[in-house]
Amino acid sequence: MTAWNKGVVHILVIYKCLSKLLASARYYLGLVSILLDENKGYLLSEK
């Protein structure tokens, strides 16, 4: 039973780490897309 509990704890820890990574990845992707949109507008206005 204790081994099973340890396994569950490991899964929960891994899940928390993955969700944190996904959240930060989404945040950075949002920043990159905003920067790209601004650059596109800038390039279009230059022409």
Protein backbone atom coordinates (compact mmCIF):
# COMPACT_ATOMS: atom_id res chain seq x y z
CA MET A 1 0.00 0.00 0.00
CA THR A 2 2.82 2.42 0.82
CA ALA A 3 4.48 1.74 -2.53
CA TRP A 4 1.18 2.50 -4.25
CA ASN A 5 0.89 5.75 -2.30
CA LYS A 6 4.43 6.70 -3.34
CA GLY A 7 3.50 6.02 -6.97
CA VAL A 8 0.47 8.30 -6.70
CA VAL A 9 2.58 11.04 -5.13
CA HIS A 10 5.14 10.73 -7.94
CA ILE A 11 2.38 10.99 -10.56
CA LEU A 12 0.93 14.07 -8.85
CA VAL A 13 4.36 15.75 -8.67
CA ILE A 14 5.06 15.00 -12.34
CA TYR A 15 1.59 16.27 -13.28
CA LYS A 16 2.15 19.52 -11.36
CA CYS A 17 5.53 20.06 -13.05
CA LEU A 18 4.04 19.36 -16.49
CA SER A 19 1.14 21.74 -15.92
CA LYS A 20 3.58 24.46 -14.81
CA LEU A 21 5.66 23.87 -17.95
CA LEU A 22 2.55 23.99 -20.14
CA ALA A 23 1.40 27.22 -18.51
CA SER A 24 4.78 28.91 -19.04
CA ALA A 25 4.98 27.56 -22.60
CA ARG A 26 1.54 29.02 -23.37
CA TYR A 27 2.63 32.33 -21.81
CA TYR A 28 5.80 32.51 -23.93
CA LEU A 29 3.92 31.46 -27.08
CA GLY A 30 1.46 34.28 -26.41
CA LEU A 31 4.32 36.77 -26.07
CA VAL A 32 5.96 35.52 -29.28
CA SER A 33 2.71 35.72 -31.24
CA ILE A 34 2.12 39.29 -29.98
CA LEU A 35 5.64 40.28 -31.02
CA LEU A 36 5.19 38.66 -34.43
CA ASP A 37 1.86 40.46 -34.94
CA GLU A 38 3.48 43.79 -34.05
CA ASN A 39 6.38 43.09 -36.42
CA LYS A 40 3.95 42.19 -39.21
CA GLY A 41 2.09 45.46 -38.71
CA TYR A 42 5.38 47.34 -38.70
CA LEU A 43 6.61 45.63 -41.86
CA LEU A 44 3.28 46.24 -43.63
CA SER A 45 3.27 49.92 -42.70
CA GLU A 46 6.87 50.29 -43.98
CA LYS A 47 5.88 49.21 -47.50
